[in-house]
């Protein structure tokens, strides 16, 4: 699977599993760079890597509140650079589940 790189355009809540089965909710900050690692064990989520840590976030949140990193670096901020969201912010269902294996 090709790695997808994103920059968050909104702070998002993420789930982090601890080594002792503890689950934590954390806020990933606006502007955080994240890489999609693959499908999550949580339904509707993807596993991502941010600052060498693994998190789980809703796929819909990631796709609607991020840009592709190359687009963000070039200064071309868009709601969703990959076409997942329509200009009004509504979801484009044809683009969901693009990370499922």
PDB file of N, CA and C in Angstrom:
ATOM      1  N   UNK A   1       0.847  -1.175   0.000  1.00  0.00           N
ATOM      2  CA  UNK A   1       0.000   0.000   0.000  1.00  0.00           C
ATOM      3  C   UNK A   1       0.895   1.242   0.000  1.00  0.00           C
ATOM      4  N   UNK A   2       0.561   2.189  -0.815  1.00  0.00           N
ATOM      5  CA  UNK A   2       1.286   3.442  -0.895  1.00  0.00           C
ATOM      6  C   UNK A   2       1.023   4.263   0.368  1.00  0.00           C
ATOM      7  N   UNK A   3       2.087   4.827   0.944  1.00  0.00           N
ATOM      8  CA  UNK A   3       1.934   5.660   2.128  1.00  0.00           C
ATOM      9  C   UNK A   3       1.337   6.995   1.734  1.00  0.00           C
ATOM     10  N   UNK A   4       0.353   7.439   2.495  1.00  0.00           N
ATOM     11  CA  UNK A   4      -0.284   8.735   2.272  1.00  0.00           C
ATOM     12  C   UNK A   4       0.177   9.689   3.355  1.00  0.00           C
ATOM     13  N   UNK A   5       0.565  10.888   2.954  1.00  0.00           N
ATOM     14  CA  UNK A   5       1.063  11.906   3.866  1.00  0.00           C
ATOM     15  C   UNK A   5       0.061  13.051   3.934  1.00  0.00           C
ATOM     16  N   UNK A   6      -0.261  13.494   5.141  1.00  0.00           N
ATOM     17  CA  UNK A   6      -1.235  14.560   5.330  1.00  0.00           C
ATOM     18  C   UNK A   6      -0.737  15.588   6.333  1.00  0.00           C
ATOM     19  N   UNK A   7      -1.257  16.801   6.230  1.00  0.00           N
ATOM     20  CA  UNK A   7      -1.066  17.844   7.235  1.00  0.00           C
ATOM     21  C   UNK A   7      -2.459  18.243   7.711  1.00  0.00           C
ATOM     22  N   UNK A   8      -2.674  18.209   9.025  1.00  0.00           N
ATOM     23  CA  UNK A   8      -3.987  18.512   9.592  1.00  0.00           C
ATOM     24  C   UNK A   8      -4.324  19.984   9.466  1.00  0.00           C
ATOM     25  N   UNK A   9      -5.547  20.275   9.020  1.00  0.00           N
ATOM     26  CA  UNK A   9      -6.030  21.656   8.924  1.00  0.00           C
ATOM     27  C   UNK A   9      -6.944  21.989  10.091  1.00  0.00           C
ATOM     28  N   UNK A  10      -7.064  21.048  11.030  1.00  0.00           N
ATOM     29  CA  UNK A  10      -7.871  21.216  12.237  1.00  0.00           C
ATOM     30  C   UNK A  10      -7.306  20.260  13.284  1.00  0.00           C
ATOM     31  N   UNK A  11      -7.299  20.667  14.540  1.00  0.00           N
ATOM     32  CA  UNK A  11      -6.886  19.746  15.603  1.00  0.00           C
ATOM     33  C   UNK A  11      -7.895  18.599  15.665  1.00  0.00           C
ATOM     34  N   UNK A  12      -7.405  17.372  15.777  1.00  0.00           N
ATOM     35  CA  UNK A  12      -8.277  16.195  15.790  1.00  0.00           C
ATOM     36  C   UNK A  12      -8.008  15.336  17.015  1.00  0.00           C
ATOM     37  N   UNK A  13      -9.050  14.681  17.497  1.00  0.00           N
ATOM     38  CA  UNK A  13      -8.921  13.744  18.608  1.00  0.00           C
ATOM     39  C   UNK A  13      -8.483  12.393  18.050  1.00  0.00           C
ATOM     40  N   UNK A  14      -7.503  11.787  18.709  1.00  0.00           N
ATOM     41  CA  UNK A  14      -6.975  10.488  18.294  1.00  0.00           C
ATOM     42  C   UNK A  14      -6.992   9.534  19.483  1.00  0.00           C
ATOM     43  N   UNK A  15      -7.042   8.248  19.189  1.00  0.00           N
ATOM     44  CA  UNK A  15      -6.979   7.204  20.203  1.00  0.00           C
ATOM     45  C   UNK A  15      -5.574   6.625  20.184  1.00  0.00           C
ATOM     46  N   UNK A  16      -4.997   6.469  21.374  1.00  0.00           N
ATOM     47  CA  UNK A  16      -3.672   5.841  21.511  1.00  0.00           C
ATOM     48  C   UNK A  16      -3.817   4.660  22.444  1.00  0.00           C
ATOM     49  N   UNK A  17      -3.375   3.480  21.987  1.00  0.00           N
ATOM     50  CA  UNK A  17      -3.382   2.290  22.821  1.00  0.00           C
ATOM     51  C   UNK A  17      -2.046   2.196  23.534  1.00  0.00           C
ATOM     52  N   UNK A  18      -2.090   2.009  24.850  1.00  0.00           N
ATOM     53  CA  UNK A  18      -0.877   1.853  25.636  1.00  0.00           C
ATOM     54  C   UNK A  18      -0.441   0.402  25.680  1.00  0.00           C
ATOM     55  N   UNK A  19       0.761   0.183  26.181  1.00  0.00           N
ATOM     56  CA  UNK A  19       1.299  -1.173  26.262  1.00  0.00           C
ATOM     57  C   UNK A  19       0.542  -2.032  27.270  1.00  0.00           C
ATOM     58  N   UNK A  20      -0.094  -1.411  28.245  1.00  0.00           N
ATOM     59  CA  UNK A  20      -0.822  -2.161  29.273  1.00  0.00           C
ATOM     60  C   UNK A  20      -2.324  -2.142  29.006  1.00  0.00           C
ATOM     61  N   UNK A  21      -2.705  -2.079  27.766  1.00  0.00           N
ATOM     62  CA  UNK A  21      -4.098  -2.064  27.337  1.00  0.00           C
ATOM     63  C   UNK A  21      -4.839  -0.805  27.762  1.00  0.00           C
ATOM     64  N   UNK A  22      -4.124   0.229  28.176  1.00  0.00           N
ATOM     65  CA  UNK A  22      -4.753   1.506  28.474  1.00  0.00           C
ATOM     66  C   UNK A  22      -5.047   2.216  27.168  1.00  0.00           C
ATOM     67  N   UNK A  23      -6.182   2.879  27.122  1.00  0.00           N
ATOM     68  CA  UNK A  23      -6.559   3.655  25.953  1.00  0.00           C
ATOM     69  C   UNK A  23      -6.613   5.115  26.354  1.00  0.00           C
ATOM     70  N   UNK A  24      -5.981   5.959  25.545  1.00  0.00           N
ATOM     71  CA  UNK A  24      -5.966   7.391  25.828  1.00  0.00           C
ATOM     72  C   UNK A  24      -6.537   8.145  24.641  1.00  0.00           C
ATOM     73  N   UNK A  25      -7.265   9.219  24.928  1.00  0.00           N
ATOM     74  CA  UNK A  25      -7.711  10.147  23.900  1.00  0.00           C
ATOM     75  C   UNK A  25      -6.774  11.340  23.945  1.00  0.00           C
ATOM     76  N   UNK A  26      -6.211  11.685  22.800  1.00  0.00           N
ATOM     77  CA  UNK A  26      -5.273  12.786  22.691  1.00  0.00           C
ATOM     78  C   UNK A  26      -5.687  13.715  21.569  1.00  0.00           C
ATOM     79  N   UNK A  27      -5.271  14.945  21.655  1.00  0.00           N
ATOM     80  CA  UNK A  27      -5.558  15.915  20.597  1.00  0.00           C
ATOM     81  C   UNK A  27      -4.303  16.085  19.743  1.00  0.00           C
ATOM     82  N   UNK A  28      -4.438  15.774  18.457  1.00  0.00           N
ATOM     83  CA  UNK A  28      -3.348  16.053  17.510  1.00  0.00           C
ATOM     84  C   UNK A  28      -3.506  17.498  17.053  1.00  0.00           C
ATOM     85  N   UNK A  29      -2.457  18.296  17.108  1.00  0.00           N
ATOM     86  CA  UNK A  29      -2.591  19.738  16.856  1.00  0.00           C
ATOM     87  C   UNK A  29      -2.775  20.099  15.387  1.00  0.00           C
ATOM     88  N   UNK A  30      -3.362  21.244  15.183  1.00  0.00           N
ATOM     89  CA  UNK A  30      -3.451  21.837  13.852  1.00  0.00           C
ATOM     90  C   UNK A  30      -2.052  21.897  13.262  1.00  0.00           C
ATOM     91  N   UNK A  31      -1.907  21.486  12.015  1.00  0.00           N
ATOM     92  CA  UNK A  31      -0.615  21.530  11.334  1.00  0.00           C
ATOM     93  C   UNK A  31       0.244  20.303  11.528  1.00  0.00           C
ATOM     94  N   UNK A  32      -0.227  19.325  12.312  1.00  0.00           N
ATOM     95  CA  UNK A  32       0.557  18.104  12.526  1.00  0.00           C
ATOM     96  C   UNK A  32       0.694  17.342  11.216  1.00  0.00           C
ATOM     97  N   UNK A  33       1.871  16.799  10.980  1.00  0.00           N
ATOM     98  CA  UNK A  33       2.114  15.953   9.820  1.00  0.00           C
ATOM     99  C   UNK A  33       1.862  14.508  10.221  1.00  0.00           C
ATOM    100  N   UNK A  34       1.022  13.810   9.455  1.00  0.00           N
ATOM    101  CA  UNK A  34       0.684  12.425   9.762  1.00  0.00           C
ATOM    102  C   UNK A  34       0.831  11.564   8.515  1.00  0.00           C
ATOM    103  N   UNK A  35       1.176  10.312   8.728  1.00  0.00           N
ATOM    104  CA  UNK A  35       1.257   9.319   7.663  1.00  0.00           C
ATOM    105  C   UNK A  35       0.242   8.231   7.967  1.00  0.00           C
ATOM    106  N   UNK A  36      -0.501   7.797   6.964  1.00  0.00           N
ATOM    107  CA  UNK A  36      -1.447   6.695   7.151  1.00  0.00           C
ATOM    108  C   UNK A  36      -0.650   5.402   7.160  1.00  0.00           C
ATOM    109  N   UNK A  37      -0.813   4.644   8.239  1.00  0.00           N
ATOM    110  CA  UNK A  37      -0.105   3.376   8.414  1.00  0.00           C
ATOM    111  C   UNK A  37      -0.924   2.228   7.841  1.00  0.00           C
ATOM    112  N   UNK A  38      -2.237   2.332   7.920  1.00  0.00           N
ATOM    113  CA  UNK A  38      -3.109   1.283   7.391  1.00  0.00           C
ATOM    114  C   UNK A  38      -4.466   1.304   8.069  1.00  0.00           C
ATOM    115  N   UNK A  39      -5.193   0.230   7.911  1.00  0.00           N
ATOM    116  CA  UNK A  39      -6.509   0.101   8.532  1.00  0.00           C
ATOM    117  C   UNK A  39      -6.355  -0.015  10.043  1.00  0.00           C
ATOM    118  N   UNK A  40      -7.360   0.463  10.754  1.00  0.00           N
ATOM    119  CA  UNK A  40      -7.355   0.417  12.209  1.00  0.00           C
ATOM    120  C   UNK A  40      -8.173  -0.765  12.701  1.00  0.00           C
ATOM    121  N   UNK A  41      -7.929  -1.157  13.948  1.00  0.00           N
ATOM    122  CA  UNK A  41      -8.761  -2.181  14.579  1.00  0.00           C
ATOM    123  C   UNK A  41     -10.086  -1.575  15.025  1.00  0.00           C
ATOM    124  N   UNK A  42     -10.197  -0.248  14.987  1.00  0.00           N
ATOM    125  CA  UNK A  42     -11.426   0.449  15.343  1.00  0.00           C
ATOM    126  C   UNK A  42     -12.213   0.702  14.065  1.00  0.00           C
ATOM    127  N   UNK A  43     -13.465   0.276  14.038  1.00  0.00           N
ATOM    128  CA  UNK A  43     -14.298   0.427  12.848  1.00  0.00           C
ATOM    129  C   UNK A  43     -14.397   1.902  12.462  1.00  0.00           C
ATOM    130  N   UNK A  44     -14.209   2.198  11.163  1.00  0.00           N
ATOM    131  CA  UNK A  44     -14.330   3.553  10.645  1.00  0.00           C
ATOM    132  C   UNK A  44     -13.087   4.397  10.828  1.00  0.00           C
ATOM    133  N   UNK A  45     -12.041   3.793  11.367  1.00  0.00           N
ATOM    134  CA  UNK A  45     -10.811   4.540  11.627  1.00  0.00           C
ATOM    135  C   UNK A  45      -9.654   4.024  10.779  1.00  0.00           C
ATOM    136  N   UNK A  46      -8.602   4.831  10.720  1.00  0.00           N
ATOM    137  CA  UNK A  46      -7.339   4.433  10.115  1.00  0.00           C
ATOM    138  C   UNK A  46      -6.258   4.592  11.176  1.00  0.00           C
ATOM    139  N   UNK A  47      -5.211   3.792  11.041  1.00  0.00           N
ATOM    140  CA  UNK A  47      -4.064   3.933  11.936  1.00  0.00           C
ATOM    141  C   UNK A  47      -3.087   4.895  11.276  1.00  0.00           C
ATOM    142  N   UNK A  48      -2.628   5.862  12.036  1.00  0.00           N
ATOM    143  CA  UNK A  48      -1.701   6.861  11.511  1.00  0.00           C
ATOM    144  C   UNK A  48      -0.452   6.906  12.383  1.00  0.00           C
ATOM    145  N   UNK A  49       0.588   7.519  11.837  1.00  0.00           N
ATOM    146  CA  UNK A  49       1.818   7.756  12.579  1.00  0.00           C
ATOM    147  C   UNK A  49       2.057   9.255  12.594  1.00  0.00           C
ATOM    148  N   UNK A  50       2.302   9.777  13.794  1.00  0.00           N
ATOM    149  CA  UNK A  50       2.607  11.195  13.975  1.00  0.00           C
ATOM    150  C   UNK A  50       3.715  11.277  15.023  1.00  0.00           C
ATOM    151  N   UNK A  51       4.817  11.889  14.670  1.00  0.00           N
ATOM    152  CA  UNK A  51       5.968  11.990  15.587  1.00  0.00           C
ATOM    153  C   UNK A  51       6.378  10.618  16.125  1.00  0.00           C
ATOM    154  N   UNK A  52       6.448   9.635  15.238  1.00  0.00           N
ATOM    155  CA  UNK A  52       6.870   8.266  15.564  1.00  0.00           C
ATOM    156  C   UNK A  52       5.958   7.548  16.556  1.00  0.00           C
ATOM    157  N   UNK A  53       4.731   8.030  16.718  1.00  0.00           N
ATOM    158  CA  UNK A  53       3.751   7.391  17.591  1.00  0.00           C
ATOM    159  C   UNK A  53       2.556   6.949  16.744  1.00  0.00           C
ATOM    160  N   UNK A  54       1.975   5.798  17.087  1.00  0.00           N
ATOM    161  CA  UNK A  54       0.817   5.280  16.359  1.00  0.00           C
ATOM    162  C   UNK A  54      -0.463   5.720  17.054  1.00  0.00           C
ATOM    163  N   UNK A  55      -1.425   6.191  16.240  1.00  0.00           N
ATOM    164  CA  UNK A  55      -2.724   6.647  16.719  1.00  0.00           C
ATOM    165  C   UNK A  55      -3.803   6.106  15.798  1.00  0.00           C
ATOM    166  N   UNK A  56      -5.038   6.189  16.247  1.00  0.00           N
ATOM    167  CA  UNK A  56      -6.193   5.788  15.454  1.00  0.00           C
ATOM    168  C   UNK A  56      -7.142   6.978  15.406  1.00  0.00           C
ATOM    169  N   UNK A  57      -7.531   7.381  14.190  1.00  0.00           N
ATOM    170  CA  UNK A  57      -8.475   8.482  14.037  1.00  0.00           C
ATOM    171  C   UNK A  57      -9.525   8.096  13.014  1.00  0.00           C
ATOM    172  N   UNK A  58     -10.679   8.753  13.095  1.00  0.00           N
ATOM    173  CA  UNK A  58     -11.719   8.487  12.115  1.00  0.00           C
ATOM    174  C   UNK A  58     -11.238   8.890  10.727  1.00  0.00           C
ATOM    175  N   UNK A  59     -11.435   7.984   9.793  1.00  0.00           N
ATOM    176  CA  UNK A  59     -11.024   8.233   8.407  1.00  0.00           C
ATOM    177  C   UNK A  59     -11.699   9.490   7.861  1.00  0.00           C
ATOM    178  N   UNK A  60     -12.973   9.660   8.170  1.00  0.00           N
ATOM    179  CA  UNK A  60     -13.728  10.820   7.694  1.00  0.00           C
ATOM    180  C   UNK A  60     -13.103  12.118   8.212  1.00  0.00           C
ATOM    181  N   UNK A  61     -12.699  12.144   9.479  1.00  0.00           N
ATOM    182  CA  UNK A  61     -12.052  13.334  10.038  1.00  0.00           C
ATOM    183  C   UNK A  61     -10.744  13.638   9.323  1.00  0.00           C
ATOM    184  N   UNK A  62      -9.930  12.613   9.116  1.00  0.00           N
ATOM    185  CA  UNK A  62      -8.657  12.817   8.436  1.00  0.00           C
ATOM    186  C   UNK A  62      -8.853  13.369   7.035  1.00  0.00           C
ATOM    187  N   UNK A  63      -9.764  12.784   6.307  1.00  0.00           N
ATOM    188  CA  UNK A  63      -9.934  13.164   4.909  1.00  0.00           C
ATOM    189  C   UNK A  63     -10.570  14.537   4.741  1.00  0.00           C
ATOM    190  N   UNK A  64     -11.388  14.962   5.687  1.00  0.00           N
ATOM    191  CA  UNK A  64     -12.058  16.257   5.562  1.00  0.00           C
ATOM    192  C   UNK A  64     -11.313  17.391   6.254  1.00  0.00           C
ATOM    193  N   UNK A  65     -10.355  17.059   7.105  1.00  0.00           N
ATOM    194  CA  UNK A  65      -9.665  18.104   7.865  1.00  0.00           C
ATOM    195  C   UNK A  65      -8.159  18.005   7.702  1.00  0.00           C
ATOM    196  N   UNK A  66      -7.730  17.798   6.455  1.00  0.00           N
ATOM    197  CA  UNK A  66      -6.301  17.726   6.167  1.00  0.00           C
ATOM    198  C   UNK A  66      -6.061  18.057   4.700  1.00  0.00           C
ATOM    199  N   UNK A  67      -4.810  18.298   4.411  1.00  0.00           N
ATOM    200  CA  UNK A  67      -4.373  18.439   3.022  1.00  0.00           C
ATOM    201  C   UNK A  67      -3.288  17.397   2.817  1.00  0.00           C
ATOM    202  N   UNK A  68      -3.009  17.074   1.564  1.00  0.00           N
ATOM    203  CA  UNK A  68      -1.855  16.223   1.343  1.00  0.00           C
ATOM    204  C   UNK A  68      -0.637  17.061   1.691  1.00  0.00           C
ATOM    205  N   UNK A  69       0.381  16.447   2.241  1.00  0.00           N
ATOM    206  CA  UNK A  69       1.539  17.200   2.714  1.00  0.00           C
ATOM    207  C   UNK A  69       2.198  17.972   1.583  1.00  0.00           C
ATOM    208  N   UNK A  70       2.301  17.397   0.395  1.00  0.00           N
ATOM    209  CA  UNK A  70       2.950  18.102  -0.714  1.00  0.00           C
ATOM    210  C   UNK A  70       2.177  19.359  -1.085  1.00  0.00           C
ATOM    211  N   UNK A  71       0.847  19.294  -1.008  1.00  0.00           N
ATOM    212  CA  UNK A  71       0.010  20.454  -1.316  1.00  0.00           C
ATOM    213  C   UNK A  71       0.178  21.517  -0.241  1.00  0.00           C
ATOM    214  N   UNK A  72       0.218  21.100   1.037  1.00  0.00           N
ATOM    215  CA  UNK A  72       0.355  22.060   2.132  1.00  0.00           C
ATOM    216  C   UNK A  72       1.716  22.741   2.089  1.00  0.00           C
ATOM    217  N   UNK A  73       2.745  21.998   1.752  1.00  0.00           N
ATOM    218  CA  UNK A  73       4.091  22.567   1.692  1.00  0.00           C
ATOM    219  C   UNK A  73       4.169  23.608   0.583  1.00  0.00           C
ATOM    220  N   UNK A  74       3.457  23.353  -0.503  1.00  0.00           N
ATOM    221  CA  UNK A  74       3.469  24.294  -1.620  1.00  0.00           C
ATOM    222  C   UNK A  74       2.614  25.526  -1.339  1.00  0.00           C
ATOM    223  N   UNK A  75       1.950  25.561  -0.183  1.00  0.00           N
ATOM    224  CA  UNK A  75       1.137  26.712   0.185  1.00  0.00           C
ATOM    225  C   UNK A  75      -0.239  26.718  -0.446  1.00  0.00           C
ATOM    226  N   UNK A  76      -0.671  25.590  -0.964  1.00  0.00           N
ATOM    227  CA  UNK A  76      -1.976  25.500  -1.612  1.00  0.00           C
ATOM    228  C   UNK A  76      -2.949  24.792  -0.670  1.00  0.00           C
ATOM    229  N   UNK A  77      -3.378  25.494   0.371  1.00  0.00           N
ATOM    230  CA  UNK A  77      -4.275  24.893   1.363  1.00  0.00           C
ATOM    231  C   UNK A  77      -5.669  24.698   0.761  1.00  0.00           C
ATOM    232  N   UNK A  78      -6.168  23.494   0.854  1.00  0.00           N
ATOM    233  CA  UNK A  78      -7.510  23.141   0.389  1.00  0.00           C
ATOM    234  C   UNK A  78      -8.178  22.321   1.473  1.00  0.00           C
ATOM    235  N   UNK A  79      -9.494  22.300   1.498  1.00  0.00           N
ATOM    236  CA  UNK A  79     -10.199  21.485   2.486  1.00  0.00           C
ATOM    237  C   UNK A  79      -9.789  20.024   2.352  1.00  0.00           C
ATOM    238  N   UNK A  80      -9.700  19.531   1.145  1.00  0.00           N
ATOM    239  CA  UNK A  80      -9.299  18.148   0.925  1.00  0.00           C
ATOM    240  C   UNK A  80      -8.651  18.058  -0.441  1.00  0.00           C
ATOM    241  N   UNK A  81      -7.369  17.867  -0.455  1.00  0.00           N
ATOM    242  CA  UNK A  81      -6.615  17.888  -1.708  1.00  0.00           C
ATOM    243  C   UNK A  81      -6.873  16.665  -2.574  1.00  0.00           C
ATOM    244  N   UNK A  82      -7.389  15.584  -1.989  1.00  0.00           N
ATOM    245  CA  UNK A  82      -7.577  14.370  -2.774  1.00  0.00           C
ATOM    246  C   UNK A  82      -8.997  14.192  -3.280  1.00  0.00           C
ATOM    247  N   UNK A  83      -9.867  15.190  -3.104  1.00  0.00           N
ATOM    248  CA  UNK A  83     -11.222  15.097  -3.630  1.00  0.00           C
ATOM    249  C   UNK A  83     -12.191  14.357  -2.734  1.00  0.00           C
ATOM    250  N   UNK A  84     -11.796  14.052  -1.505  1.00  0.00           N
ATOM    251  CA  UNK A  84     -12.673  13.319  -0.608  1.00  0.00           C
ATOM    252  C   UNK A  84     -13.873  14.149  -0.207  1.00  0.00           C
ATOM    253  N   UNK A  85     -13.671  15.432  -0.005  1.00  0.00           N
ATOM    254  CA  UNK A  85     -14.770  16.307   0.387  1.00  0.00           C
ATOM    255  C   UNK A  85     -15.121  17.252  -0.748  1.00  0.00           C
ATOM    256  N   UNK A  86     -16.384  17.525  -0.853  1.00  0.00           N
ATOM    257  CA  UNK A  86     -16.862  18.485  -1.830  1.00  0.00           C
ATOM    258  C   UNK A  86     -16.527  19.895  -1.337  1.00  0.00           C
ATOM    259  N   UNK A  87     -16.583  20.907  -2.186  1.00  0.00           N
ATOM    260  CA  UNK A  87     -16.270  22.268  -1.751  1.00  0.00           C
ATOM    261  C   UNK A  87     -17.088  22.754  -0.561  1.00  0.00           C
ATOM    262  N   UNK A  88     -18.313  22.244  -0.382  1.00  0.00           N
ATOM    263  CA  UNK A  88     -19.125  22.665   0.761  1.00  0.00           C
ATOM    264  C   UNK A  88     -18.795  21.891   2.039  1.00  0.00           C
ATOM    265  N   UNK A  89     -17.804  20.999   1.979  1.00  0.00           N
ATOM    266  CA  UNK A  89     -17.392  20.235   3.153  1.00  0.00           C
ATOM    267  C   UNK A  89     -18.096  18.908   3.309  1.00  0.00           C
ATOM    268  N   UNK A  90     -19.077  18.620   2.451  1.00  0.00           N
ATOM    269  CA  UNK A  90     -19.763  17.333   2.553  1.00  0.00           C
ATOM    270  C   UNK A  90     -18.876  16.228   1.980  1.00  0.00           C
ATOM    271  N   UNK A  91     -19.125  15.009   2.437  1.00  0.00           N
ATOM    272  CA  UNK A  91     -18.301  13.887   2.003  1.00  0.00           C
ATOM    273  C   UNK A  91     -18.608  13.453   0.583  1.00  0.00           C
ATOM    274  N   UNK A  92     -17.589  13.006  -0.105  1.00  0.00           N
ATOM    275  CA  UNK A  92     -17.726  12.369  -1.397  1.00  0.00           C
ATOM    276  C   UNK A  92     -17.596  10.871  -1.126  1.00  0.00           C
ATOM    277  N   UNK A  93     -18.710  10.121  -1.005  1.00  0.00           N
ATOM    278  CA  UNK A  93     -18.666   8.728  -0.598  1.00  0.00           C
ATOM    279  C   UNK A  93     -17.794   7.842  -1.480  1.00  0.00           C
ATOM    280  N   UNK A  94     -17.605   8.217  -2.716  1.00  0.00           N
ATOM    281  CA  UNK A  94     -16.785   7.408  -3.617  1.00  0.00           C
ATOM    282  C   UNK A  94     -15.334   7.356  -3.174  1.00  0.00           C
ATOM    283  N   UNK A  95     -14.889   8.336  -2.360  1.00  0.00           N
ATOM    284  CA  UNK A  95     -13.502   8.385  -1.927  1.00  0.00           C
ATOM    285  C   UNK A  95     -13.251   7.792  -0.544  1.00  0.00           C
ATOM    286  N   UNK A  96     -14.329   7.468   0.183  1.00  0.00           N
ATOM    287  CA  UNK A  96     -14.140   6.888   1.517  1.00  0.00           C
ATOM    288  C   UNK A  96     -13.599   5.474   1.416  1.00  0.00           C
ATOM    289  N   UNK A  97     -13.020   5.000   2.488  1.00  0.00           N
ATOM    290  CA  UNK A  97     -12.434   3.663   2.575  1.00  0.00           C
ATOM    291  C   UNK A  97     -11.307   3.429   1.579  1.00  0.00           C
ATOM    292  N   UNK A  98     -10.625   4.492   1.221  1.00  0.00           N
ATOM    293  CA  UNK A  98      -9.541   4.371   0.260  1.00  0.00           C
ATOM    294  C   UNK A  98      -8.315   3.703   0.862  1.00  0.00           C
ATOM    295  N   UNK A  99      -8.293   3.506   2.176  1.00  0.00           N
ATOM    296  CA  UNK A  99      -7.132   2.903   2.823  1.00  0.00           C
ATOM    297  C   UNK A  99      -7.386   1.472   3.256  1.00  0.00           C
ATOM    298  N   UNK A 100      -8.595   0.980   3.043  1.00  0.00           N
ATOM    299  CA  UNK A 100      -8.905  -0.381   3.465  1.00  0.00           C
ATOM    300  C   UNK A 100      -8.165  -1.369   2.573  1.00  0.00           C
ATOM    301  N   UNK A 101      -7.667  -2.423   3.178  1.00  0.00           N
ATOM    302  CA  UNK A 101      -6.916  -3.422   2.411  1.00  0.00           C
ATOM    303  C   UNK A 101      -7.784  -4.584   2.064  1.00  0.00           C
TER     304      UNK A 101
END
